[in-house]
Amino acid sequence: MDFKDIKIKTSEELEKISADLKEELRVLRFKVSAQSLKQNSKISETKKTIARIQTELKLRSLNK
């Protein structure tokens, strides 16, 4: 997800997406431990997207 896409969404949508991505990250970590994950880069992409969303939510809370 691009930062431009993140800026367009509402705070409620971002919080839901963030929760979904955190769950996906948890599942990916289990797959890595079971050695069934083929794309190791998926974990870092998910982490970066979560960080982008959290950054935008923090900026929005500071601007209020």
Protein backbone atom coordinates (compact mmCIF):
# COMPACT_ATOMS: atom_id res chain seq x y z
CA MET A 1 0.00 0.00 0.00
CA ASP A 2 1.37 3.36 -1.04
CA PHE A 3 1.56 6.31 1.35
CA LYS A 4 -0.72 8.22 -1.03
CA ASP A 5 -3.38 5.55 -0.59
CA ILE A 6 -2.98 5.71 3.18
CA LYS A 7 -3.53 9.48 3.28
CA ILE A 8 -6.87 9.13 1.48
CA LYS A 9 -8.40 6.64 3.94
CA THR A 10 -10.19 7.58 7.15
CA SER A 11 -8.72 6.88 10.57
CA GLU A 12 -11.21 4.08 11.22
CA GLU A 13 -10.29 2.37 7.96
CA LEU A 14 -6.60 2.69 8.77
CA GLU A 15 -7.06 1.16 12.21
CA LYS A 16 -8.92 -1.80 10.70
CA ILE A 17 -6.28 -2.28 8.01
CA SER A 18 -3.55 -2.07 10.63
CA ALA A 19 -5.23 -4.77 12.74
CA ASP A 20 -5.62 -6.99 9.69
CA LEU A 21 -1.97 -6.52 8.73
CA LYS A 22 -0.82 -7.32 12.27
CA GLU A 23 -2.79 -10.57 12.11
CA GLU A 24 -1.28 -11.33 8.70
CA LEU A 25 2.20 -10.66 10.10
CA ARG A 26 1.51 -13.08 12.96
CA VAL A 27 0.48 -15.77 10.47
CA LEU A 28 3.55 -15.11 8.33
CA ARG A 29 5.82 -15.52 11.35
CA PHE A 30 4.24 -18.90 12.09
CA LYS A 31 4.78 -19.92 8.49
CA VAL A 32 8.45 -18.95 8.71
CA SER A 33 8.91 -21.04 11.83
CA ALA A 34 7.23 -23.97 10.05
CA GLN A 35 9.43 -23.29 7.01
CA SER A 36 6.45 -23.13 4.67
CA LEU A 37 6.82 -19.47 3.63
CA LYS A 38 8.28 -19.02 0.16
CA GLN A 39 8.43 -15.21 0.05
CA ASN A 40 10.50 -13.94 2.96
CA SER A 41 10.19 -10.37 1.68
CA LYS A 42 6.46 -10.45 2.48
CA ILE A 43 7.26 -10.01 6.19
CA SER A 44 9.30 -6.85 5.67
CA GLU A 45 6.70 -5.40 3.29
CA THR A 46 3.97 -5.99 5.85
CA LYS A 47 6.03 -4.40 8.63
CA LYS A 48 6.70 -1.33 6.50
CA THR A 49 3.03 -0.93 5.63
CA ILE A 50 2.08 -1.17 9.31
CA ALA A 51 4.68 1.48 10.12
CA ARG A 52 3.35 3.79 7.39
CA ILE A 53 -0.18 3.45 8.73
CA GLN A 54 0.91 4.10 12.31
CA THR A 55 2.88 7.14 11.18
CA GLU A 56 -0.15 8.60 9.42
CA LEU A 57 -2.39 7.93 12.44
CA LYS A 58 0.14 9.63 14.72
CA LEU A 59 0.36 12.66 12.41
CA ARG A 60 -3.42 12.93 12.37
CA SER A 61 -3.61 12.80 16.16
CA LEU A 62 -0.95 15.50 16.51
CA ASN A 63 -2.70 17.82 14.02
CA LYS A 64 -6.00 17.81 15.92
